[in-house]
Amino acid sequence: MAGASLNQSATLMCPHGGTVSIVTTNVRTKGGGGYVVTQGDVFLVAGCPFAIGPAPSPCVKVQWVSPDTAVTVGGTPTLSQSSVGLCVNGLQAPQGPVVVVATQTQVQSR
């Protein structure tokens, strides 16, 4: 993958408009003014309105399936604008790809 590295200040959303909060454990490597995030970090979704029929089925977190291939932090692959993450509901069922709305543009990864 390639593109601008994601850091803790990146703006991400689920495909239904829920907002993603990033909780990173990285406190060593910065990129573009914030700590670079990795596949092992936690990405929680809030405010997803998705429902299947009358039953609510909101996205609750992001699972990254295709991180960067050449860059790691502490042995864990980093994430960039072109990394692929799936938003999942409470039963871990995929509900669509995460949307990278904005990120820093100074640091690129692959």
PDB file of N, CA and C in Angstrom:
ATOM      1  N   MET A   1       0.854  -1.157   0.000  1.00  0.00           N
ATOM      2  CA  MET A   1       0.000   0.000   0.000  1.00  0.00           C
ATOM      3  C   MET A   1       0.907   1.229   0.000  1.00  0.00           C
ATOM      4  N   ALA A   2       0.343   2.348  -0.349  1.00  0.00           N
ATOM      5  CA  ALA A   2       1.115   3.583  -0.353  1.00  0.00           C
ATOM      6  C   ALA A   2       0.195   4.764  -0.100  1.00  0.00           C
ATOM      7  N   GLY A   3       0.795   5.822   0.332  1.00  0.00           N
ATOM      8  CA  GLY A   3       0.034   7.046   0.540  1.00  0.00           C
ATOM      9  C   GLY A   3       0.446   7.721   1.818  1.00  0.00           C
ATOM     10  N   ALA A   4      -0.293   8.760   2.151  1.00  0.00           N
ATOM     11  CA  ALA A   4      -0.015   9.518   3.365  1.00  0.00           C
ATOM     12  C   ALA A   4      -0.251   8.641   4.583  1.00  0.00           C
ATOM     13  N   SER A   5       0.715   8.638   5.489  1.00  0.00           N
ATOM     14  CA  SER A   5       0.586   7.839   6.716  1.00  0.00           C
ATOM     15  C   SER A   5      -0.559   8.373   7.568  1.00  0.00           C
ATOM     16  N   LEU A   6      -1.267   7.462   8.218  1.00  0.00           N
ATOM     17  CA  LEU A   6      -2.312   7.866   9.156  1.00  0.00           C
ATOM     18  C   LEU A   6      -1.664   8.126  10.509  1.00  0.00           C
ATOM     19  N   ASN A   7      -2.070   9.201  11.142  1.00  0.00           N
ATOM     20  CA  ASN A   7      -1.626   9.448  12.507  1.00  0.00           C
ATOM     21  C   ASN A   7      -2.854   9.629  13.385  1.00  0.00           C
ATOM     22  N   GLN A   8      -2.640   9.855  14.656  1.00  0.00           N
ATOM     23  CA  GLN A   8      -3.754   9.890  15.613  1.00  0.00           C
ATOM     24  C   GLN A   8      -4.740  11.015  15.351  1.00  0.00           C
ATOM     25  N   SER A   9      -4.377  11.995  14.542  1.00  0.00           N
ATOM     26  CA  SER A   9      -5.309  13.079  14.250  1.00  0.00           C
ATOM     27  C   SER A   9      -6.047  12.896  12.924  1.00  0.00           C
ATOM     28  N   ALA A  10      -5.881  11.745  12.287  1.00  0.00           N
ATOM     29  CA  ALA A  10      -6.596  11.475  11.039  1.00  0.00           C
ATOM     30  C   ALA A  10      -8.102  11.447  11.302  1.00  0.00           C
ATOM     31  N   THR A  11      -8.860  11.822  10.286  1.00  0.00           N
ATOM     32  CA  THR A  11     -10.318  11.780  10.379  1.00  0.00           C
ATOM     33  C   THR A  11     -10.815  10.589   9.571  1.00  0.00           C
ATOM     34  N   LEU A  12     -11.462   9.639  10.265  1.00  0.00           N
ATOM     35  CA  LEU A  12     -11.987   8.436   9.633  1.00  0.00           C
ATOM     36  C   LEU A  12     -13.480   8.318   9.941  1.00  0.00           C
ATOM     37  N   MET A  13     -14.219   7.684   9.014  1.00  0.00           N
ATOM     38  CA  MET A  13     -15.646   7.461   9.221  1.00  0.00           C
ATOM     39  C   MET A  13     -16.017   6.071   8.735  1.00  0.00           C
ATOM     40  N   CYS A  14     -17.098   5.529   9.298  1.00  0.00           N
ATOM     41  CA  CYS A  14     -17.645   4.286   8.756  1.00  0.00           C
ATOM     42  C   CYS A  14     -18.443   4.663   7.505  1.00  0.00           C
ATOM     43  N   PRO A  15     -18.802   3.711   6.660  1.00  0.00           N
ATOM     44  CA  PRO A  15     -19.498   4.058   5.420  1.00  0.00           C
ATOM     45  C   PRO A  15     -20.907   4.620   5.640  1.00  0.00           C
ATOM     46  N   HIS A  16     -21.393   4.584   6.873  1.00  0.00           N
ATOM     47  CA  HIS A  16     -22.742   5.075   7.182  1.00  0.00           C
ATOM     48  C   HIS A  16     -22.718   6.418   7.895  1.00  0.00           C
ATOM     49  N   GLY A  17     -21.529   6.985   8.091  1.00  0.00           N
ATOM     50  CA  GLY A  17     -21.404   8.306   8.692  1.00  0.00           C
ATOM     51  C   GLY A  17     -20.985   8.332  10.147  1.00  0.00           C
ATOM     52  N   GLY A  18     -20.729   7.168  10.751  1.00  0.00           N
ATOM     53  CA  GLY A  18     -20.238   7.135  12.132  1.00  0.00           C
ATOM     54  C   GLY A  18     -18.797   7.631  12.196  1.00  0.00           C
ATOM     55  N   THR A  19     -18.403   8.211  13.309  1.00  0.00           N
ATOM     56  CA  THR A  19     -17.045   8.716  13.461  1.00  0.00           C
ATOM     57  C   THR A  19     -16.146   7.690  14.138  1.00  0.00           C
ATOM     58  N   VAL A  20     -14.902   7.657  13.709  1.00  0.00           N
ATOM     59  CA  VAL A  20     -13.932   6.700  14.232  1.00  0.00           C
ATOM     60  C   VAL A  20     -12.974   7.425  15.170  1.00  0.00           C
ATOM     61  N   SER A  21     -12.816   6.880  16.383  1.00  0.00           N
ATOM     62  CA  SER A  21     -11.834   7.378  17.343  1.00  0.00           C
ATOM     63  C   SER A  21     -10.632   6.442  17.333  1.00  0.00           C
ATOM     64  N   ILE A  22      -9.451   7.025  17.316  1.00  0.00           N
ATOM     65  CA  ILE A  22      -8.216   6.239  17.257  1.00  0.00           C
ATOM     66  C   ILE A  22      -7.554   6.235  18.621  1.00  0.00           C
ATOM     67  N   VAL A  23      -7.263   5.029  19.126  1.00  0.00           N
ATOM     68  CA  VAL A  23      -6.536   4.874  20.383  1.00  0.00           C
ATOM     69  C   VAL A  23      -5.232   4.158  20.038  1.00  0.00           C
ATOM     70  N   THR A  24      -4.134   4.902  20.098  1.00  0.00           N
ATOM     71  CA  THR A  24      -2.842   4.317  19.730  1.00  0.00           C
ATOM     72  C   THR A  24      -1.984   4.069  20.965  1.00  0.00           C
ATOM     73  N   THR A  25      -1.151   3.057  20.881  1.00  0.00           N
ATOM     74  CA  THR A  25      -0.187   2.775  21.942  1.00  0.00           C
ATOM     75  C   THR A  25       1.197   3.292  21.562  1.00  0.00           C
ATOM     76  N   ASN A  26       1.328   3.789  20.332  1.00  0.00           N
ATOM     77  CA  ASN A  26       2.604   4.311  19.851  1.00  0.00           C
ATOM     78  C   ASN A  26       2.892   5.659  20.509  1.00  0.00           C
ATOM     79  N   VAL A  27       3.982   5.739  21.223  1.00  0.00           N
ATOM     80  CA  VAL A  27       4.406   7.007  21.822  1.00  0.00           C
ATOM     81  C   VAL A  27       5.847   7.337  21.420  1.00  0.00           C
ATOM     82  N   ARG A  28       6.335   6.687  20.360  1.00  0.00           N
ATOM     83  CA  ARG A  28       7.717   6.893  19.925  1.00  0.00           C
ATOM     84  C   ARG A  28       7.829   7.528  18.554  1.00  0.00           C
ATOM     85  N   THR A  29       6.996   7.136  17.618  1.00  0.00           N
ATOM     86  CA  THR A  29       7.182   7.544  16.230  1.00  0.00           C
ATOM     87  C   THR A  29       6.090   8.512  15.796  1.00  0.00           C
ATOM     88  N   LYS A  30       6.523   9.717  15.439  1.00  0.00           N
ATOM     89  CA  LYS A  30       5.575  10.735  14.978  1.00  0.00           C
ATOM     90  C   LYS A  30       5.679  10.897  13.474  1.00  0.00           C
ATOM     91  N   GLY A  31       4.573  11.278  12.885  1.00  0.00           N
ATOM     92  CA  GLY A  31       4.539  11.565  11.460  1.00  0.00           C
ATOM     93  C   GLY A  31       3.504  12.633  11.191  1.00  0.00           C
ATOM     94  N   GLY A  32       3.916  13.750  10.647  1.00  0.00           N
ATOM     95  CA  GLY A  32       2.986  14.807  10.313  1.00  0.00           C
ATOM     96  C   GLY A  32       2.359  15.470  11.521  1.00  0.00           C
ATOM     97  N   GLY A  33       3.067  15.490  12.654  1.00  0.00           N
ATOM     98  CA  GLY A  33       2.578  16.195  13.825  1.00  0.00           C
ATOM     99  C   GLY A  33       1.865  15.349  14.853  1.00  0.00           C
ATOM    100  N   GLY A  34       1.637  14.087  14.582  1.00  0.00           N
ATOM    101  CA  GLY A  34       0.984  13.202  15.550  1.00  0.00           C
ATOM    102  C   GLY A  34       1.616  11.828  15.508  1.00  0.00           C
ATOM    103  N   TYR A  35       1.291  11.007  16.474  1.00  0.00           N
ATOM    104  CA  TYR A  35       1.851   9.655  16.506  1.00  0.00           C
ATOM    105  C   TYR A  35       1.262   8.816  15.374  1.00  0.00           C
ATOM    106  N   VAL A  36       2.122   8.091  14.671  1.00  0.00           N
ATOM    107  CA  VAL A  36       1.714   7.213  13.578  1.00  0.00           C
ATOM    108  C   VAL A  36       0.903   6.057  14.157  1.00  0.00           C
ATOM    109  N   VAL A  37      -0.167   5.672  13.466  1.00  0.00           N
ATOM    110  CA  VAL A  37      -0.996   4.573  13.961  1.00  0.00           C
ATOM    111  C   VAL A  37      -0.670   3.282  13.224  1.00  0.00           C
ATOM    112  N   THR A  38      -0.917   2.162  13.904  1.00  0.00           N
ATOM    113  CA  THR A  38      -0.576   0.849  13.364  1.00  0.00           C
ATOM    114  C   THR A  38      -1.805  -0.052  13.295  1.00  0.00           C
ATOM    115  N   GLN A  39      -1.632  -1.166  12.630  1.00  0.00           N
ATOM    116  CA  GLN A  39      -2.695  -2.158  12.505  1.00  0.00           C
ATOM    117  C   GLN A  39      -3.140  -2.672  13.877  1.00  0.00           C
ATOM    118  N   GLY A  40      -2.265  -2.646  14.855  1.00  0.00           N
ATOM    119  CA  GLY A  40      -2.582  -3.153  16.189  1.00  0.00           C
ATOM    120  C   GLY A  40      -3.307  -2.171  17.091  1.00  0.00           C
ATOM    121  N   ASP A  41      -3.472  -0.928  16.653  1.00  0.00           N
ATOM    122  CA  ASP A  41      -4.175   0.061  17.471  1.00  0.00           C
ATOM    123  C   ASP A  41      -5.679  -0.183  17.447  1.00  0.00           C
ATOM    124  N   VAL A  42      -6.393   0.531  18.305  1.00  0.00           N
ATOM    125  CA  VAL A  42      -7.844   0.355  18.436  1.00  0.00           C
ATOM    126  C   VAL A  42      -8.549   1.501  17.705  1.00  0.00           C
ATOM    127  N   PHE A  43      -9.522   1.157  16.882  1.00  0.00           N
ATOM    128  CA  PHE A  43     -10.297   2.115  16.107  1.00  0.00           C
ATOM    129  C   PHE A  43     -11.776   1.876  16.419  1.00  0.00           C
ATOM    130  N   LEU A  44     -12.355   2.728  17.261  1.00  0.00           N
ATOM    131  CA  LEU A  44     -13.737   2.573  17.714  1.00  0.00           C
ATOM    132  C   LEU A  44     -14.666   3.485  16.920  1.00  0.00           C
ATOM    133  N   VAL A  45     -15.843   2.971  16.568  1.00  0.00           N
ATOM    134  CA  VAL A  45     -16.822   3.732  15.800  1.00  0.00           C
ATOM    135  C   VAL A  45     -17.958   4.147  16.725  1.00  0.00           C
ATOM    136  N   ALA A  46     -18.365   5.415  16.617  1.00  0.00           N
ATOM    137  CA  ALA A  46     -19.500   5.927  17.391  1.00  0.00           C
ATOM    138  C   ALA A  46     -20.471   6.628  16.452  1.00  0.00           C
ATOM    139  N   GLY A  47     -21.742   6.523  16.748  1.00  0.00           N
ATOM    140  CA  GLY A  47     -22.751   7.254  15.998  1.00  0.00           C
ATOM    141  C   GLY A  47     -23.145   6.651  14.667  1.00  0.00           C
ATOM    142  N   CYS A  48     -22.878   5.378  14.458  1.00  0.00           N
ATOM    143  CA  CYS A  48     -23.275   4.733  13.209  1.00  0.00           C
ATOM    144  C   CYS A  48     -24.775   4.435  13.252  1.00  0.00           C
ATOM    145  N   PRO A  49     -25.545   4.923  12.267  1.00  0.00           N
ATOM    146  CA  PRO A  49     -26.988   4.720  12.264  1.00  0.00           C
ATOM    147  C   PRO A  49     -27.447   3.460  11.527  1.00  0.00           C
ATOM    148  N   PHE A  50     -26.529   2.636  11.046  1.00  0.00           N
ATOM    149  CA  PHE A  50     -26.905   1.512  10.183  1.00  0.00           C
ATOM    150  C   PHE A  50     -27.842   0.532  10.878  1.00  0.00           C
ATOM    151  N   ALA A  51     -28.822   0.059  10.108  1.00  0.00           N
ATOM    152  CA  ALA A  51     -29.777  -0.933  10.598  1.00  0.00           C
ATOM    153  C   ALA A  51     -30.076  -1.909   9.472  1.00  0.00           C
ATOM    154  N   ILE A  52     -30.362  -3.142   9.847  1.00  0.00           N
ATOM    155  CA  ILE A  52     -30.802  -4.153   8.893  1.00  0.00           C
ATOM    156  C   ILE A  52     -32.291  -4.345   9.162  1.00  0.00           C
ATOM    157  N   GLY A  53     -33.117  -3.784   8.282  1.00  0.00           N
ATOM    158  CA  GLY A  53     -34.555  -3.767   8.552  1.00  0.00           C
ATOM    159  C   GLY A  53     -34.790  -2.919   9.791  1.00  0.00           C
ATOM    160  N   PRO A  54     -35.603  -3.418  10.726  1.00  0.00           N
ATOM    161  CA  PRO A  54     -35.864  -2.647  11.942  1.00  0.00           C
ATOM    162  C   PRO A  54     -34.795  -2.836  13.030  1.00  0.00           C
ATOM    163  N   ALA A  55     -33.862  -3.758  12.808  1.00  0.00           N
ATOM    164  CA  ALA A  55     -32.868  -4.080  13.838  1.00  0.00           C
ATOM    165  C   ALA A  55     -31.605  -3.227  13.677  1.00  0.00           C
ATOM    166  N   PRO A  56     -31.224  -2.470  14.708  1.00  0.00           N
ATOM    167  CA  PRO A  56     -29.973  -1.705  14.642  1.00  0.00           C
ATOM    168  C   PRO A  56     -28.774  -2.639  14.474  1.00  0.00           C
ATOM    169  N   SER A  57     -27.841  -2.227  13.634  1.00  0.00           N
ATOM    170  CA  SER A  57     -26.624  -2.998  13.406  1.00  0.00           C
ATOM    171  C   SER A  57     -25.466  -2.033  13.183  1.00  0.00           C
ATOM    172  N   PRO A  58     -25.191  -1.197  14.178  1.00  0.00           N
ATOM    173  CA  PRO A  58     -24.170  -0.160  13.973  1.00  0.00           C
ATOM    174  C   PRO A  58     -22.753  -0.730  13.885  1.00  0.00           C
ATOM    175  N   CYS A  59     -21.923  -0.026  13.126  1.00  0.00           N
ATOM    176  CA  CYS A  59     -20.494  -0.329  13.118  1.00  0.00           C
ATOM    177  C   CYS A  59     -19.945   0.037  14.498  1.00  0.00           C
ATOM    178  N   VAL A  60     -19.056  -0.805  15.046  1.00  0.00           N
ATOM    179  CA  VAL A  60     -18.496  -0.523  16.368  1.00  0.00           C
ATOM    180  C   VAL A  60     -16.975  -0.405  16.370  1.00  0.00           C
ATOM    181  N   LYS A  61     -16.319  -1.004  15.366  1.00  0.00           N
ATOM    182  CA  LYS A  61     -14.859  -0.879  15.297  1.00  0.00           C
ATOM    183  C   LYS A  61     -14.379  -1.160  13.887  1.00  0.00           C
ATOM    184  N   VAL A  62     -13.088  -0.876  13.673  1.00  0.00           N
ATOM    185  CA  VAL A  62     -12.458  -1.102  12.376  1.00  0.00           C
ATOM    186  C   VAL A  62     -11.423  -2.203  12.520  1.00  0.00           C
ATOM    187  N   GLN A  63     -11.463  -3.168  11.615  1.00  0.00           N
ATOM    188  CA  GLN A  63     -10.448  -4.210  11.533  1.00  0.00           C
ATOM    189  C   GLN A  63      -9.667  -3.981  10.244  1.00  0.00           C
ATOM    190  N   TRP A  64      -8.367  -3.806  10.372  1.00  0.00           N
ATOM    191  CA  TRP A  64      -7.533  -3.528   9.206  1.00  0.00           C
ATOM    192  C   TRP A  64      -7.085  -4.828   8.564  1.00  0.00           C
ATOM    193  N   VAL A  65      -7.372  -4.987   7.273  1.00  0.00           N
ATOM    194  CA  VAL A  65      -7.037  -6.225   6.566  1.00  0.00           C
ATOM    195  C   VAL A  65      -5.866  -6.067   5.607  1.00  0.00           C
ATOM    196  N   SER A  66      -5.522  -4.825   5.276  1.00  0.00           N
ATOM    197  CA  SER A  66      -4.414  -4.589   4.363  1.00  0.00           C
ATOM    198  C   SER A  66      -3.631  -3.348   4.818  1.00  0.00           C
ATOM    199  N   PRO A  67      -2.659  -3.553   5.735  1.00  0.00           N
ATOM    200  CA  PRO A  67      -1.852  -2.423   6.217  1.00  0.00           C
ATOM    201  C   PRO A  67      -0.706  -2.135   5.255  1.00  0.00           C
ATOM    202  N   ASP A  68       0.152  -1.201   5.642  1.00  0.00           N
ATOM    203  CA  ASP A  68       1.367  -0.940   4.862  1.00  0.00           C
ATOM    204  C   ASP A  68       2.241  -2.194   4.878  1.00  0.00           C
ATOM    205  N   THR A  69       3.004  -2.386   3.816  1.00  0.00           N
ATOM    206  CA  THR A  69       3.825  -3.590   3.723  1.00  0.00           C
ATOM    207  C   THR A  69       5.302  -3.352   4.020  1.00  0.00           C
ATOM    208  N   ALA A  70       5.751  -2.105   3.947  1.00  0.00           N
ATOM    209  CA  ALA A  70       7.186  -1.857   4.105  1.00  0.00           C
ATOM    210  C   ALA A  70       7.545  -1.043   5.343  1.00  0.00           C
ATOM    211  N   VAL A  71       6.561  -0.547   6.073  1.00  0.00           N
ATOM    212  CA  VAL A  71       6.844   0.308   7.218  1.00  0.00           C
ATOM    213  C   VAL A  71       6.189  -0.283   8.465  1.00  0.00           C
ATOM    214  N   THR A  72       6.972  -0.363   9.558  1.00  0.00           N
ATOM    215  CA  THR A  72       6.432  -0.852  10.828  1.00  0.00           C
ATOM    216  C   THR A  72       6.845   0.077  11.958  1.00  0.00           C
ATOM    217  N   VAL A  73       6.107   0.012  13.038  1.00  0.00           N
ATOM    218  CA  VAL A  73       6.462   0.681  14.289  1.00  0.00           C
ATOM    219  C   VAL A  73       6.431  -0.398  15.358  1.00  0.00           C
ATOM    220  N   GLY A  74       7.550  -0.668  15.975  1.00  0.00           N
ATOM    221  CA  GLY A  74       7.624  -1.721  16.983  1.00  0.00           C
ATOM    222  C   GLY A  74       7.253  -3.089  16.436  1.00  0.00           C
ATOM    223  N   GLY A  75       7.497  -3.313  15.148  1.00  0.00           N
ATOM    224  CA  GLY A  75       7.209  -4.600  14.525  1.00  0.00           C
ATOM    225  C   GLY A  75       5.787  -4.746  14.009  1.00  0.00           C
ATOM    226  N   THR A  76       4.943  -3.739  14.188  1.00  0.00           N
ATOM    227  CA  THR A  76       3.556  -3.798  13.728  1.00  0.00           C
ATOM    228  C   THR A  76       3.393  -2.891  12.513  1.00  0.00           C
ATOM    229  N   PRO A  77       2.763  -3.382  11.437  1.00  0.00           N
ATOM    230  CA  PRO A  77       2.609  -2.570  10.230  1.00  0.00           C
ATOM    231  C   PRO A  77       1.850  -1.266  10.500  1.00  0.00           C
ATOM    232  N   THR A  78       2.325  -0.191   9.859  1.00  0.00           N
ATOM    233  CA  THR A  78       1.638   1.090   9.959  1.00  0.00           C
ATOM    234  C   THR A  78       0.460   1.114   8.980  1.00  0.00           C
ATOM    235  N   LEU A  79      -0.311   2.203   9.051  1.00  0.00           N
ATOM    236  CA  LEU A  79      -1.466   2.377   8.169  1.00  0.00           C
ATOM    237  C   LEU A  79      -1.290   3.657   7.371  1.00  0.00           C
ATOM    238  N   SER A  80      -1.796   3.641   6.149  1.00  0.00           N
ATOM    239  CA  SER A  80      -1.747   4.827   5.298  1.00  0.00           C
ATOM    240  C   SER A  80      -3.099   5.025   4.644  1.00  0.00           C
ATOM    241  N   GLN A  81      -3.193   6.075   3.861  1.00  0.00           N
ATOM    242  CA  GLN A  81      -4.436   6.430   3.201  1.00  0.00           C
ATOM    243  C   GLN A  81      -4.975   5.303   2.328  1.00  0.00           C
ATOM    244  N   SER A  82      -4.114   4.470   1.800  1.00  0.00           N
ATOM    245  CA  SER A  82      -4.570   3.398   0.922  1.00  0.00           C
ATOM    246  C   SER A  82      -4.712   2.046   1.628  1.00  0.00           C
ATOM    247  N   SER A  83      -4.481   1.993   2.936  1.00  0.00           N
ATOM    248  CA  SER A  83      -4.698   0.749   3.680  1.00  0.00           C
ATOM    249  C   SER A  83      -6.193   0.420   3.666  1.00  0.00           C
ATOM    250  N   VAL A  84      -6.508  -0.861   3.766  1.00  0.00           N
ATOM    251  CA  VAL A  84      -7.906  -1.294   3.724  1.00  0.00           C
ATOM    252  C   VAL A  84      -8.344  -1.746   5.111  1.00  0.00           C
ATOM    253  N   GLY A  85      -9.406  -1.115   5.607  1.00  0.00           N
ATOM    254  CA  GLY A  85      -9.991  -1.478   6.887  1.00  0.00           C
ATOM    255  C   GLY A  85     -11.474  -1.714   6.721  1.00  0.00           C
ATOM    256  N   LEU A  86     -12.002  -2.717   7.405  1.00  0.00           N
ATOM    257  CA  LEU A  86     -13.432  -3.004   7.352  1.00  0.00           C
ATOM    258  C   LEU A  86     -14.086  -2.618   8.664  1.00  0.00           C
ATOM    259  N   CYS A  87     -15.206  -1.915   8.573  1.00  0.00           N
ATOM    260  CA  CYS A  87     -15.991  -1.596   9.757  1.00  0.00           C
ATOM    261  C   CYS A  87     -16.850  -2.825  10.065  1.00  0.00           C
ATOM    262  N   VAL A  88     -16.907  -3.201  11.333  1.00  0.00           N
ATOM    263  CA  VAL A  88     -17.664  -4.388  11.736  1.00  0.00           C
ATOM    264  C   VAL A  88     -18.662  -4.011  12.829  1.00  0.00           C
ATOM    265  N   ASN A  89     -19.726  -4.812  12.924  1.00  0.00           N
ATOM    266  CA  ASN A  89     -20.715  -4.587  13.984  1.00  0.00           C
ATOM    267  C   ASN A  89     -20.322  -5.376  15.231  1.00  0.00           C
ATOM    268  N   GLY A  90     -21.192  -5.386  16.230  1.00  0.00           N
ATOM    269  CA  GLY A  90     -20.897  -6.066  17.489  1.00  0.00           C
ATOM    270  C   GLY A  90     -20.700  -7.565  17.355  1.00  0.00           C
ATOM    271  N   LEU A  91     -21.231  -8.165  16.276  1.00  0.00           N
ATOM    272  CA  LEU A  91     -21.056  -9.599  16.032  1.00  0.00           C
ATOM    273  C   LEU A  91     -19.862  -9.873  15.118  1.00  0.00           C
ATOM    274  N   GLN A  92     -19.067  -8.829  14.839  1.00  0.00           N
ATOM    275  CA  GLN A  92     -17.877  -8.889  13.986  1.00  0.00           C
ATOM    276  C   GLN A  92     -18.197  -9.093  12.511  1.00  0.00           C
ATOM    277  N   ALA A  93     -19.448  -8.832  12.095  1.00  0.00           N
ATOM    278  CA  ALA A  93     -19.825  -8.946  10.681  1.00  0.00           C
ATOM    279  C   ALA A  93     -19.373  -7.685   9.939  1.00  0.00           C
ATOM    280  N   PRO A  94     -18.679  -7.847   8.818  1.00  0.00           N
ATOM    281  CA  PRO A  94     -18.238  -6.694   8.047  1.00  0.00           C
ATOM    282  C   PRO A  94     -19.428  -5.905   7.513  1.00  0.00           C
ATOM    283  N   GLN A  95     -19.311  -4.562   7.564  1.00  0.00           N
ATOM    284  CA  GLN A  95     -20.412  -3.714   7.119  1.00  0.00           C
ATOM    285  C   GLN A  95     -19.975  -2.692   6.074  1.00  0.00           C
ATOM    286  N   GLY A  96     -18.724  -2.758   5.659  1.00  0.00           N
ATOM    287  CA  GLY A  96     -18.230  -1.859   4.625  1.00  0.00           C
ATOM    288  C   GLY A  96     -16.869  -1.302   4.989  1.00  0.00           C
ATOM    289  N   PRO A  97     -16.198  -0.695   4.008  1.00  0.00           N
ATOM    290  CA  PRO A  97     -14.846  -0.173   4.234  1.00  0.00           C
ATOM    291  C   PRO A  97     -14.851   1.140   5.007  1.00  0.00           C
ATOM    292  N   VAL A  98     -13.815   1.332   5.809  1.00  0.00           N
ATOM    293  CA  VAL A  98     -13.625   2.602   6.503  1.00  0.00           C
ATOM    294  C   VAL A  98     -13.286   3.668   5.461  1.00  0.00           C
ATOM    295  N   VAL A  99     -13.695   4.887   5.728  1.00  0.00           N
ATOM    296  CA  VAL A  99     -13.432   6.002   4.821  1.00  0.00           C
ATOM    297  C   VAL A  99     -12.407   6.935   5.486  1.00  0.00           C
ATOM    298  N   VAL A 100     -11.288   7.163   4.806  1.00  0.00           N
ATOM    299  CA  VAL A 100     -10.291   8.108   5.295  1.00  0.00           C
ATOM    300  C   VAL A 100     -10.695   9.475   4.758  1.00  0.00           C
ATOM    301  N   VAL A 101     -11.191  10.331   5.645  1.00  0.00           N
ATOM    302  CA  VAL A 101     -11.661  11.653   5.245  1.00  0.00           C
ATOM    303  C   VAL A 101     -10.500  12.625   5.129  1.00  0.00           C
ATOM    304  N   ALA A 102      -9.607  12.593   6.111  1.00  0.00           N
ATOM    305  CA  ALA A 102      -8.458  13.511   6.097  1.00  0.00           C
ATOM    306  C   ALA A 102      -7.324  12.918   6.908  1.00  0.00           C
ATOM    307  N   THR A 103      -6.109  13.216   6.486  1.00  0.00           N
ATOM    308  CA  THR A 103      -4.917  12.841   7.229  1.00  0.00           C
ATOM    309  C   THR A 103      -3.811  13.845   6.909  1.00  0.00           C
ATOM    310  N   GLN A 104      -2.706  13.720   7.584  1.00  0.00           N
ATOM    311  CA  GLN A 104      -1.580  14.596   7.314  1.00  0.00           C
ATOM    312  C   GLN A 104      -1.006  14.279   5.932  1.00  0.00           C
ATOM    313  N   THR A 105      -0.259  15.189   5.360  1.00  0.00           N
ATOM    314  CA  THR A 105       0.285  14.966   4.019  1.00  0.00           C
ATOM    315  C   THR A 105       1.807  15.032   3.970  1.00  0.00           C
ATOM    316  N   GLN A 106       2.455  15.209   5.117  1.00  0.00           N
ATOM    317  CA  GLN A 106       3.913  15.371   5.135  1.00  0.00           C
ATOM    318  C   GLN A 106       4.674  14.062   5.058  1.00  0.00           C
ATOM    319  N   VAL A 107       4.134  12.985   5.638  1.00  0.00           N
ATOM    320  CA  VAL A 107       4.848  11.719   5.710  1.00  0.00           C
ATOM    321  C   VAL A 107       4.114  10.672   4.880  1.00  0.00           C
ATOM    322  N   GLN A 108       4.857  10.024   3.977  1.00  0.00           N
ATOM    323  CA  GLN A 108       4.299   8.991   3.122  1.00  0.00           C
ATOM    324  C   GLN A 108       4.827   7.622   3.553  1.00  0.00           C
ATOM    325  N   SER A 109       4.021   6.596   3.362  1.00  0.00           N
ATOM    326  CA  SER A 109       4.479   5.228   3.663  1.00  0.00           C
ATOM    327  C   SER A 109       4.053   4.315   2.534  1.00  0.00           C
ATOM    328  N   ARG A 110       4.532   3.069   2.631  1.00  0.00           N
ATOM    329  CA  ARG A 110       4.174   2.079   1.601  1.00  0.00           C
ATOM    330  C   ARG A 110       4.102   0.715   2.197  1.00  0.00           C
TER     331      ARG A 110
END
